[in-house]
Amino acid sequence: MTKSNILTNLRNIALSLLLAISLPGLFQQAASAKSKLLNSEKVQINADSKTVFEAIRTSRNSETLHRKCLSTTANSALVEENLLDVPVLGNVHCLWSEKEVSPERIDYELTQSDKFIAGCGSYIISPSSKNSMTTLELQSHIDSGLRIPFAHEICTAAAHHDMKTRLHLLKQIAERNQHKKIASAN
């Protein structure tokens, strides 16, 4: 073997080692960037925006959603939630900090969980030009901590299912309360 071949082989070995060390980090960065994407769902509600805002507040204490409000201040709340049968993880206990940014927005952030790494999102309330119609959008990001094949896809599907369930319940609460308002005004 010539000196040139030895140097070429050493260079190839060094490049292979460098790639072996770098690739897992690159894959982790790509997965991390992908996991920061927000999931989003919307629903049209036959109620004014103030009633929708109050429905979100009401849902802080919901047996259906396994939520309990632990404390409140003028524009924030600490909410305990037990998510049942989360794919792969099972039951997950969470504490959420909710902040009422305006009458059209409530932001939330995960403060503690026994399984999730991070989570945040927003309820965005948009009154429509039609009287008593409101669009409620729920945006959410959850980092489940899962590092398995298709973890992002599994979590995204579960998040969309949970978001649709949550929005459906909020729609029911808001529309029921809107009907009560109208009935009591007559």
N, C-alpha and C. Protein backbone atom coordinates (compact mmCIF):
# COMPACT_ATOMS: atom_id res chain seq x y z
N MET A 1 0.84 -1.17 0.00
CA MET A 1 0.00 0.00 0.00
C MET A 1 0.90 1.24 0.00
N THR A 2 0.56 2.18 -0.87
CA THR A 2 1.37 3.38 -0.98
C THR A 2 0.97 4.39 0.09
N LYS A 3 1.84 5.36 0.27
CA LYS A 3 1.59 6.41 1.26
C LYS A 3 0.32 7.17 0.90
N SER A 4 0.05 7.39 -0.37
CA SER A 4 -1.14 8.10 -0.85
C SER A 4 -2.41 7.32 -0.49
N ASN A 5 -2.38 5.99 -0.67
CA ASN A 5 -3.54 5.15 -0.33
C ASN A 5 -3.80 5.16 1.18
N ILE A 6 -2.74 5.13 1.96
CA ILE A 6 -2.89 5.15 3.42
C ILE A 6 -3.54 6.46 3.86
N LEU A 7 -3.06 7.58 3.30
CA LEU A 7 -3.63 8.88 3.65
C LEU A 7 -5.10 8.97 3.21
N THR A 8 -5.42 8.44 2.06
CA THR A 8 -6.81 8.43 1.58
C THR A 8 -7.69 7.60 2.51
N ASN A 9 -7.20 6.43 2.90
CA ASN A 9 -7.97 5.58 3.82
C ASN A 9 -8.17 6.27 5.18
N LEU A 10 -7.12 6.91 5.70
CA LEU A 10 -7.24 7.63 6.97
C LEU A 10 -8.24 8.78 6.86
N ARG A 11 -8.21 9.49 5.74
CA ARG A 11 -9.15 10.58 5.52
C ARG A 11 -10.57 10.05 5.47
N ASN A 12 -10.80 8.94 4.78
CA ASN A 12 -12.15 8.34 4.70
C ASN A 12 -12.63 7.87 6.07
N ILE A 13 -11.74 7.30 6.85
CA ILE A 13 -12.11 6.86 8.20
C ILE A 13 -12.48 8.07 9.06
N ALA A 14 -11.69 9.13 8.96
CA ALA A 14 -11.96 10.34 9.74
C ALA A 14 -13.31 10.95 9.34
N LEU A 15 -13.60 11.00 8.04
CA LEU A 15 -14.88 11.52 7.56
C LEU A 15 -16.04 10.64 8.04
N SER A 16 -15.86 9.34 8.01
CA SER A 16 -16.90 8.41 8.48
C SER A 16 -17.18 8.62 9.96
N LEU A 17 -16.12 8.78 10.75
CA LEU A 17 -16.30 9.03 12.18
C LEU A 17 -17.01 10.36 12.42
N LEU A 18 -16.62 11.38 11.67
CA LEU A 18 -17.25 12.69 11.80
C LEU A 18 -18.74 12.61 11.47
N LEU A 19 -19.09 11.90 10.40
CA LEU A 19 -20.50 11.72 10.04
C LEU A 19 -21.25 10.93 11.11
N ALA A 20 -20.64 9.89 11.62
CA ALA A 20 -21.28 9.06 12.64
C ALA A 20 -21.57 9.88 13.90
N ILE A 21 -20.69 10.81 14.21
CA ILE A 21 -20.88 11.66 15.39
C ILE A 21 -21.90 12.75 15.10
N SER A 22 -21.91 13.31 13.90
CA SER A 22 -22.76 14.46 13.57
C SER A 22 -24.20 14.09 13.23
N LEU A 23 -24.42 12.98 12.56
CA LEU A 23 -25.77 12.65 12.07
C LEU A 23 -26.83 12.57 13.16
N PRO A 24 -26.59 11.90 14.28
CA PRO A 24 -27.63 11.88 15.31
C PRO A 24 -28.04 13.28 15.77
N GLY A 25 -27.07 14.19 15.89
CA GLY A 25 -27.37 15.56 16.27
C GLY A 25 -28.21 16.27 15.23
N LEU A 26 -27.89 16.03 13.95
CA LEU A 26 -28.67 16.64 12.88
C LEU A 26 -30.09 16.11 12.86
N PHE A 27 -30.26 14.79 13.06
CA PHE A 27 -31.60 14.21 13.11
C PHE A 27 -32.38 14.76 14.30
N GLN A 28 -31.71 14.93 15.44
CA GLN A 28 -32.37 15.47 16.63
C GLN A 28 -32.82 16.91 16.38
N GLN A 29 -31.97 17.72 15.72
CA GLN A 29 -32.34 19.10 15.41
C GLN A 29 -33.54 19.13 14.47
N ALA A 30 -33.55 18.27 13.46
CA ALA A 30 -34.68 18.22 12.53
C ALA A 30 -35.95 17.80 13.25
N ALA A 31 -35.86 16.82 14.13
CA ALA A 31 -37.02 16.37 14.89
C ALA A 31 -37.51 17.46 15.82
N SER A 32 -36.57 18.17 16.44
CA SER A 32 -36.94 19.25 17.35
C SER A 32 -37.66 20.37 16.60
N ALA A 33 -37.15 20.75 15.44
CA ALA A 33 -37.79 21.80 14.64
C ALA A 33 -39.17 21.36 14.20
N LYS A 34 -39.31 20.10 13.81
CA LYS A 34 -40.60 19.57 13.36
C LYS A 34 -41.59 19.55 14.52
N SER A 35 -41.13 19.26 15.74
CA SER A 35 -42.03 19.15 16.87
C SER A 35 -42.55 20.50 17.34
N LYS A 36 -41.94 21.61 16.91
CA LYS A 36 -42.39 22.92 17.33
C LYS A 36 -43.56 23.43 16.49
N LEU A 37 -43.97 22.68 15.49
CA LEU A 37 -45.09 23.08 14.67
C LEU A 37 -46.37 23.08 15.49
N LEU A 38 -47.20 24.09 15.28
CA LEU A 38 -48.48 24.17 15.98
C LEU A 38 -49.53 23.35 15.25
N ASN A 39 -50.35 22.67 16.03
CA ASN A 39 -51.55 22.05 15.49
C ASN A 39 -52.65 23.07 15.64
N SER A 40 -53.63 23.06 14.74
CA SER A 40 -54.69 24.06 14.80
C SER A 40 -56.02 23.45 14.34
N GLU A 41 -57.07 23.80 15.05
CA GLU A 41 -58.44 23.41 14.68
C GLU A 41 -59.34 24.61 14.93
N LYS A 42 -60.43 24.73 14.15
CA LYS A 42 -61.39 25.83 14.29
C LYS A 42 -62.81 25.28 14.34
N VAL A 43 -63.69 26.08 14.97
CA VAL A 43 -65.10 25.75 14.99
C VAL A 43 -65.91 27.06 14.95
N GLN A 44 -67.04 27.02 14.24
CA GLN A 44 -67.98 28.14 14.21
C GLN A 44 -68.98 27.94 15.33
N ILE A 45 -69.19 28.98 16.13
CA ILE A 45 -70.09 28.88 17.28
C ILE A 45 -71.18 29.93 17.14
N ASN A 46 -72.41 29.50 17.36
CA ASN A 46 -73.57 30.40 17.29
C ASN A 46 -73.73 31.08 18.65
N ALA A 47 -72.79 31.96 18.96
CA ALA A 47 -72.80 32.72 20.21
C ALA A 47 -71.87 33.91 20.05
N ASP A 48 -72.10 34.95 20.85
CA ASP A 48 -71.22 36.11 20.78
C ASP A 48 -69.86 35.78 21.41
N SER A 49 -68.87 36.62 21.12
CA SER A 49 -67.50 36.33 21.55
C SER A 49 -67.36 36.33 23.07
N LYS A 50 -68.12 37.17 23.76
CA LYS A 50 -68.04 37.21 25.23
C LYS A 50 -68.52 35.89 25.83
N THR A 51 -69.56 35.31 25.26
CA THR A 51 -70.09 34.03 25.73
C THR A 51 -69.09 32.91 25.46
N VAL A 52 -68.40 32.97 24.33
CA VAL A 52 -67.37 31.97 24.00
C VAL A 52 -66.21 32.08 24.99
N PHE A 53 -65.81 33.31 25.29
CA PHE A 53 -64.73 33.55 26.25
C PHE A 53 -65.10 32.94 27.61
N GLU A 54 -66.33 33.16 28.05
CA GLU A 54 -66.79 32.61 29.33
C GLU A 54 -66.88 31.08 29.29
N ALA A 55 -67.18 30.52 28.14
CA ALA A 55 -67.23 29.05 28.00
C ALA A 55 -65.84 28.45 28.22
N ILE A 56 -64.81 29.13 27.72
CA ILE A 56 -63.44 28.66 27.93
C ILE A 56 -63.11 28.71 29.42
N ARG A 57 -63.49 29.79 30.06
CA ARG A 57 -63.28 29.90 31.51
C ARG A 57 -64.01 28.77 32.25
N THR A 58 -65.25 28.52 31.86
CA THR A 58 -66.06 27.47 32.50
C THR A 58 -65.41 26.09 32.35
N SER A 59 -64.77 25.86 31.20
CA SER A 59 -64.17 24.54 30.93
C SER A 59 -62.97 24.25 31.82
N ARG A 60 -62.51 25.24 32.57
CA ARG A 60 -61.39 25.01 33.50
C ARG A 60 -61.79 24.02 34.60
N ASN A 61 -63.07 23.94 34.89
CA ASN A 61 -63.59 22.95 35.83
C ASN A 61 -64.56 22.06 35.06
N SER A 62 -64.04 21.01 34.48
CA SER A 62 -64.85 20.15 33.63
C SER A 62 -64.57 18.68 33.94
N GLU A 63 -65.59 17.98 34.38
CA GLU A 63 -65.44 16.54 34.61
C GLU A 63 -65.22 15.82 33.28
N THR A 64 -65.89 16.29 32.24
CA THR A 64 -65.77 15.67 30.92
C THR A 64 -64.33 15.72 30.41
N LEU A 65 -63.68 16.87 30.62
CA LEU A 65 -62.30 17.04 30.16
C LEU A 65 -61.28 16.70 31.25
N HIS A 66 -61.76 16.25 32.40
CA HIS A 66 -60.88 15.88 33.53
C HIS A 66 -59.98 17.04 33.93
N ARG A 67 -60.62 18.23 34.06
CA ARG A 67 -59.90 19.46 34.39
C ARG A 67 -60.43 20.05 35.69
N LYS A 68 -59.53 20.66 36.44
CA LYS A 68 -59.90 21.30 37.71
C LYS A 68 -59.06 22.56 37.87
N CYS A 69 -59.73 23.69 38.12
CA CYS A 69 -59.03 24.95 38.34
C CYS A 69 -58.52 24.98 39.77
N LEU A 70 -57.21 25.13 39.93
CA LEU A 70 -56.60 25.14 41.25
C LEU A 70 -56.52 26.54 41.85
N SER A 71 -56.30 27.55 40.99
CA SER A 71 -56.23 28.93 41.48
C SER A 71 -56.47 29.88 40.31
N THR A 72 -56.92 31.09 40.67
CA THR A 72 -57.13 32.13 39.66
C THR A 72 -56.66 33.47 40.19
N THR A 73 -56.30 34.34 39.27
CA THR A 73 -56.05 35.75 39.56
C THR A 73 -56.92 36.53 38.59
N ALA A 74 -56.72 37.84 38.51
CA ALA A 74 -57.55 38.67 37.64
C ALA A 74 -57.55 38.20 36.19
N ASN A 75 -56.41 37.76 35.67
CA ASN A 75 -56.36 37.37 34.25
C ASN A 75 -55.59 36.07 34.01
N SER A 76 -55.50 35.22 35.03
CA SER A 76 -54.79 33.95 34.83
C SER A 76 -55.39 32.86 35.71
N ALA A 77 -55.06 31.63 35.36
CA ALA A 77 -55.54 30.48 36.12
C ALA A 77 -54.51 29.36 36.05
N LEU A 78 -54.47 28.56 37.11
CA LEU A 78 -53.66 27.35 37.14
C LEU A 78 -54.64 26.19 37.10
N VAL A 79 -54.52 25.35 36.06
CA VAL A 79 -55.48 24.29 35.82
C VAL A 79 -54.79 22.93 35.82
N GLU A 80 -55.35 22.01 36.60
CA GLU A 80 -54.87 20.63 36.64
C GLU A 80 -55.69 19.82 35.64
N GLU A 81 -55.02 18.99 34.87
CA GLU A 81 -55.72 18.18 33.86
C GLU A 81 -55.13 16.78 33.85
N ASN A 82 -56.02 15.80 33.75
CA ASN A 82 -55.61 14.41 33.60
C ASN A 82 -56.07 13.92 32.24
N LEU A 83 -55.13 13.72 31.35
CA LEU A 83 -55.43 13.21 30.01
C LEU A 83 -55.42 11.69 30.08
N LEU A 84 -56.49 11.09 29.59
CA LEU A 84 -56.62 9.64 29.67
C LEU A 84 -56.28 8.98 28.34
N ASP A 85 -55.63 7.84 28.41
CA ASP A 85 -55.36 7.00 27.23
C ASP A 85 -54.65 7.74 26.09
N VAL A 86 -53.64 8.52 26.43
CA VAL A 86 -52.81 9.17 25.42
C VAL A 86 -52.02 8.07 24.71
N PRO A 87 -52.04 8.05 23.36
CA PRO A 87 -51.33 6.98 22.65
C PRO A 87 -49.88 6.83 23.12
N VAL A 88 -49.48 5.62 23.36
CA VAL A 88 -48.16 5.19 23.81
C VAL A 88 -47.88 5.56 25.27
N LEU A 89 -48.32 6.74 25.72
CA LEU A 89 -47.99 7.22 27.07
C LEU A 89 -48.99 6.78 28.14
N GLY A 90 -50.21 6.49 27.76
CA GLY A 90 -51.23 6.16 28.76
C GLY A 90 -51.83 7.41 29.36
N ASN A 91 -52.05 7.43 30.68
CA ASN A 91 -52.61 8.60 31.35
C ASN A 91 -51.50 9.60 31.65
N VAL A 92 -51.82 10.89 31.44
CA VAL A 92 -50.82 11.94 31.63
C VAL A 92 -51.41 13.03 32.53
N HIS A 93 -50.68 13.37 33.57
CA HIS A 93 -51.08 14.43 34.50
C HIS A 93 -50.37 15.71 34.10
N CYS A 94 -51.12 16.84 34.03
CA CYS A 94 -50.54 18.12 33.62
C CYS A 94 -51.03 19.26 34.50
N LEU A 95 -50.21 20.26 34.64
CA LEU A 95 -50.61 21.55 35.21
C LEU A 95 -50.38 22.59 34.13
N TRP A 96 -51.43 23.36 33.84
CA TRP A 96 -51.38 24.38 32.79
C TRP A 96 -51.55 25.75 33.42
N SER A 97 -50.79 26.70 32.94
CA SER A 97 -50.97 28.10 33.30
C SER A 97 -51.70 28.77 32.14
N GLU A 98 -52.88 29.31 32.41
CA GLU A 98 -53.65 29.99 31.38
C GLU A 98 -53.61 31.49 31.64
N LYS A 99 -53.37 32.27 30.59
CA LYS A 99 -53.31 33.72 30.72
C LYS A 99 -54.29 34.34 29.73
N GLU A 100 -55.19 35.16 30.25
CA GLU A 100 -56.15 35.87 29.41
C GLU A 100 -55.47 37.11 28.87
N VAL A 101 -55.05 37.05 27.62
CA VAL A 101 -54.30 38.14 27.01
C VAL A 101 -55.25 39.29 26.66
N SER A 102 -56.42 38.94 26.19
CA SER A 102 -57.45 39.92 25.83
C SER A 102 -58.78 39.17 25.79
N PRO A 103 -59.87 39.88 25.58
CA PRO A 103 -61.14 39.15 25.46
C PRO A 103 -61.21 38.27 24.20
N GLU A 104 -60.21 38.37 23.35
CA GLU A 104 -60.19 37.55 22.13
C GLU A 104 -59.11 36.47 22.15
N ARG A 105 -58.41 36.33 23.28
CA ARG A 105 -57.31 35.36 23.28
C ARG A 105 -56.98 34.90 24.70
N ILE A 106 -56.80 33.58 24.82
CA ILE A 106 -56.30 32.99 26.06
C ILE A 106 -55.13 32.10 25.68
N ASP A 107 -53.96 32.38 26.23
CA ASP A 107 -52.77 31.58 25.98
C ASP A 107 -52.59 30.60 27.15
N TYR A 108 -52.02 29.46 26.86
CA TYR A 108 -51.74 28.49 27.93
C TYR A 108 -50.36 27.89 27.72
N GLU A 109 -49.78 27.47 28.85
CA GLU A 109 -48.44 26.88 28.82
C GLU A 109 -48.36 25.78 29.86
N LEU A 110 -47.69 24.70 29.51
CA LEU A 110 -47.49 23.59 30.43
C LEU A 110 -46.47 24.02 31.49
N THR A 111 -46.86 23.90 32.76
CA THR A 111 -45.93 24.24 33.83
C THR A 111 -45.35 22.99 34.49
N GLN A 112 -46.10 21.87 34.40
CA GLN A 112 -45.62 20.63 35.01
C GLN A 112 -46.37 19.45 34.39
N SER A 113 -45.67 18.34 34.22
CA SER A 113 -46.30 17.12 33.72
C SER A 113 -45.47 15.92 34.14
N ASP A 114 -46.14 14.80 34.34
CA ASP A 114 -45.40 13.59 34.67
C ASP A 114 -44.83 12.91 33.43
N LYS A 115 -45.27 13.31 32.22
CA LYS A 115 -44.75 12.67 31.01
C LYS A 115 -44.40 13.64 29.89
N PHE A 116 -45.20 14.69 29.67
CA PHE A 116 -44.90 15.64 28.59
C PHE A 116 -43.68 16.47 28.95
N ILE A 117 -42.93 16.86 27.92
CA ILE A 117 -41.74 17.69 28.08
C ILE A 117 -42.13 19.17 28.08
N ALA A 118 -42.98 19.56 27.12
CA ALA A 118 -43.38 20.96 26.98
C ALA A 118 -44.73 21.03 26.27
N GLY A 119 -45.39 22.16 26.44
CA GLY A 119 -46.66 22.37 25.76
C GLY A 119 -47.09 23.81 25.86
N CYS A 120 -47.75 24.30 24.83
CA CYS A 120 -48.27 25.66 24.84
C CYS A 120 -49.31 25.78 23.74
N GLY A 121 -50.03 26.88 23.78
CA GLY A 121 -51.02 27.10 22.75
C GLY A 121 -51.90 28.30 23.07
N SER A 122 -52.95 28.46 22.26
CA SER A 122 -53.85 29.61 22.40
C SER A 122 -55.25 29.25 21.96
N TYR A 123 -56.20 29.87 22.63
CA TYR A 123 -57.58 29.93 22.16
C TYR A 123 -57.72 31.31 21.55
N ILE A 124 -58.08 31.36 20.27
CA ILE A 124 -58.23 32.64 19.57
C ILE A 124 -59.70 32.80 19.19
N ILE A 125 -60.31 33.86 19.72
CA ILE A 125 -61.74 34.10 19.55
C ILE A 125 -61.91 35.23 18.52
N SER A 126 -62.62 34.93 17.42
CA SER A 126 -62.80 35.91 16.36
C SER A 126 -64.28 36.11 16.09
N PRO A 127 -64.83 37.27 16.51
CA PRO A 127 -66.24 37.54 16.20
C PRO A 127 -66.39 37.71 14.69
N SER A 128 -67.50 37.24 14.14
CA SER A 128 -67.72 37.41 12.71
C SER A 128 -68.62 38.62 12.50
N SER A 129 -68.75 39.01 11.26
CA SER A 129 -69.61 40.15 10.95
C SER A 129 -71.08 39.82 11.17
N LYS A 130 -71.40 38.53 11.13
CA LYS A 130 -72.78 38.11 11.41
C LYS A 130 -73.02 38.23 12.91
N ASN A 131 -74.17 38.71 13.27
CA ASN A 131 -74.49 38.89 14.68
C ASN A 131 -74.49 37.56 15.41
N SER A 132 -73.80 37.50 16.53
CA SER A 132 -73.75 36.33 17.41
C SER A 132 -73.10 35.10 16.79
N MET A 133 -72.22 35.28 15.85
CA MET A 133 -71.43 34.16 15.33
C MET A 133 -69.96 34.43 15.66
N THR A 134 -69.29 33.38 16.12
CA THR A 134 -67.89 33.52 16.52
C THR A 134 -67.10 32.32 16.03
N THR A 135 -65.89 32.57 15.58
CA THR A 135 -64.97 31.49 15.24
C THR A 135 -64.02 31.32 16.41
N LEU A 136 -63.90 30.08 16.88
CA LEU A 136 -62.94 29.77 17.93
C LEU A 136 -61.87 28.87 17.33
N GLU A 137 -60.63 29.33 17.41
CA GLU A 137 -59.49 28.54 16.93
C GLU A 137 -58.68 28.10 18.13
N LEU A 138 -58.30 26.85 18.12
CA LEU A 138 -57.43 26.30 19.16
C LEU A 138 -56.11 25.92 18.51
N GLN A 139 -55.02 26.54 18.97
CA GLN A 139 -53.68 26.22 18.50
C GLN A 139 -52.96 25.53 19.64
N SER A 140 -52.21 24.48 19.30
CA SER A 140 -51.54 23.73 20.36
C SER A 140 -50.23 23.13 19.87
N HIS A 141 -49.27 23.13 20.78
CA HIS A 141 -48.00 22.42 20.55
C HIS A 141 -47.71 21.59 21.79
N ILE A 142 -47.47 20.33 21.60
CA ILE A 142 -47.09 19.44 22.70
C ILE A 142 -45.83 18.70 22.30
N ASP A 143 -44.84 18.70 23.18
CA ASP A 143 -43.67 17.84 23.02
C ASP A 143 -43.87 16.70 24.01
N SER A 144 -44.24 15.55 23.48
CA SER A 144 -44.57 14.40 24.33
C SER A 144 -43.32 13.72 24.91
N GLY A 145 -42.18 14.05 24.35
CA GLY A 145 -40.96 13.40 24.81
C GLY A 145 -40.73 12.05 24.13
N LEU A 146 -41.67 11.61 23.29
CA LEU A 146 -41.51 10.33 22.60
C LEU A 146 -40.40 10.44 21.56
N ARG A 147 -39.51 9.49 21.55
CA ARG A 147 -38.44 9.44 20.55
C ARG A 147 -38.48 8.06 19.91
N ILE A 148 -39.60 7.82 19.22
CA ILE A 148 -39.80 6.56 18.51
C ILE A 148 -40.19 6.88 17.08
N PRO A 149 -40.08 5.92 16.17
CA PRO A 149 -40.51 6.18 14.80
C PRO A 149 -41.97 6.62 14.76
N PHE A 150 -42.27 7.62 13.97
CA PHE A 150 -43.60 8.16 13.75
C PHE A 150 -44.18 8.83 14.99
N ALA A 151 -43.35 9.21 15.94
CA ALA A 151 -43.84 9.88 17.16
C ALA A 151 -44.58 11.16 16.81
N HIS A 152 -44.04 11.94 15.88
CA HIS A 152 -44.69 13.20 15.50
C HIS A 152 -46.08 12.95 14.92
N GLU A 153 -46.18 11.95 14.06
CA GLU A 153 -47.47 11.64 13.43
C GLU A 153 -48.48 11.12 14.46
N ILE A 154 -48.03 10.29 15.38
CA ILE A 154 -48.91 9.77 16.44
C ILE A 154 -49.41 10.92 17.31
N CYS A 155 -48.50 11.79 17.71
CA CYS A 155 -48.87 12.91 18.59
C CYS A 155 -49.77 13.91 17.87
N THR A 156 -49.51 14.16 16.60
CA THR A 156 -50.34 15.09 15.84
C THR A 156 -51.76 14.56 15.71
N ALA A 157 -51.91 13.28 15.40
CA ALA A 157 -53.25 12.69 15.28
C ALA A 157 -53.99 12.75 16.62
N ALA A 158 -53.31 12.44 17.70
CA ALA A 158 -53.93 12.49 19.03
C ALA A 158 -54.30 13.93 19.39
N ALA A 159 -53.43 14.88 19.06
CA ALA A 159 -53.69 16.30 19.37
C ALA A 159 -54.92 16.79 18.63
N HIS A 160 -55.03 16.46 17.33
CA HIS A 160 -56.19 16.90 16.56
C HIS A 160 -57.48 16.29 17.10
N HIS A 161 -57.43 15.04 17.49
CA HIS A 161 -58.62 14.40 18.07
C HIS A 161 -59.03 15.11 19.36
N ASP A 162 -58.06 15.37 20.23
CA ASP A 162 -58.34 16.05 21.50
C ASP A 162 -58.85 17.46 21.25
N MET A 163 -58.26 18.17 20.30
CA MET A 163 -58.67 19.54 20.01
C MET A 163 -60.11 19.59 19.49
N LYS A 164 -60.47 18.66 18.62
CA LYS A 164 -61.85 18.62 18.10
C LYS A 164 -62.84 18.33 19.22
N THR A 165 -62.50 17.40 20.12
CA THR A 165 -63.36 17.09 21.26
C THR A 165 -63.53 18.32 22.15
N ARG A 166 -62.43 18.99 22.43
CA ARG A 166 -62.44 20.18 23.28
C ARG A 166 -63.28 21.29 22.65
N LEU A 167 -63.07 21.54 21.36
CA LEU A 167 -63.84 22.59 20.67
C LEU A 167 -65.32 22.26 20.62
N HIS A 168 -65.65 20.99 20.41
CA HIS A 168 -67.06 20.57 20.38
C HIS A 168 -67.72 20.85 21.73
N LEU A 169 -67.03 20.54 22.81
CA LEU A 169 -67.57 20.80 24.16
C LEU A 169 -67.73 22.30 24.39
N LEU A 170 -66.75 23.09 23.98
CA LEU A 170 -66.85 24.54 24.15
C LEU A 170 -68.00 25.12 23.32
N LYS A 171 -68.20 24.58 22.14
CA LYS A 171 -69.33 25.01 21.30
C LYS A 171 -70.65 24.72 22.01
N GLN A 172 -70.78 23.52 22.59
CA GLN A 172 -72.01 23.18 23.31
C GLN A 172 -72.24 24.12 24.49
N ILE A 173 -71.22 24.38 25.28
CA ILE A 173 -71.35 25.26 26.45
C ILE A 173 -71.75 26.67 26.01
N ALA A 174 -71.05 27.21 25.03
CA ALA A 174 -71.30 28.59 24.59
C ALA A 174 -72.69 28.73 23.98
N GLU A 175 -73.09 27.79 23.12
CA GLU A 175 -74.41 27.90 22.49
C GLU A 175 -75.54 27.73 23.51
N ARG A 176 -75.35 26.84 24.48
CA ARG A 176 -76.35 26.66 25.54
C ARG A 176 -76.47 27.96 26.35
N ASN A 177 -75.34 28.55 26.71
CA ASN A 177 -75.35 29.80 27.47
C ASN A 177 -75.93 30.96 26.67
N GLN A 178 -75.68 30.98 25.36
CA GLN A 178 -76.24 32.02 24.49
C GLN A 178 -77.77 31.89 24.45
N HIS A 179 -78.28 30.67 24.36
CA HIS A 179 -79.74 30.45 24.36
C HIS A 179 -80.34 30.90 25.68
N LYS A 180 -79.66 30.64 26.80
CA LYS A 180 -80.15 31.08 28.11
C LYS A 180 -80.19 32.60 28.19
N LYS A 181 -79.17 33.27 27.62
CA LYS A 181 -79.15 34.74 27.60
C LYS A 181 -80.34 35.29 26.84
N ILE A 182 -80.59 34.71 25.68
CA ILE A 182 -81.69 35.17 24.83
C ILE A 182 -83.03 34.93 25.53
N ALA A 183 -83.18 33.75 26.12
CA ALA A 183 -84.44 33.41 26.80
C ALA A 183 -84.69 34.33 28.00
N SER A 184 -83.64 34.66 28.74
CA SER A 184 -83.83 35.51 29.91
C SER A 184 -84.07 36.98 29.51
N ALA A 185 -83.65 37.36 28.32
CA ALA A 185 -83.88 38.73 27.83
C ALA A 185 -85.32 38.92 27.36
N ASN A 186 -85.99 37.83 27.01
CA ASN A 186 -87.37 37.92 26.49
C ASN A 186 -88.39 37.89 27.56
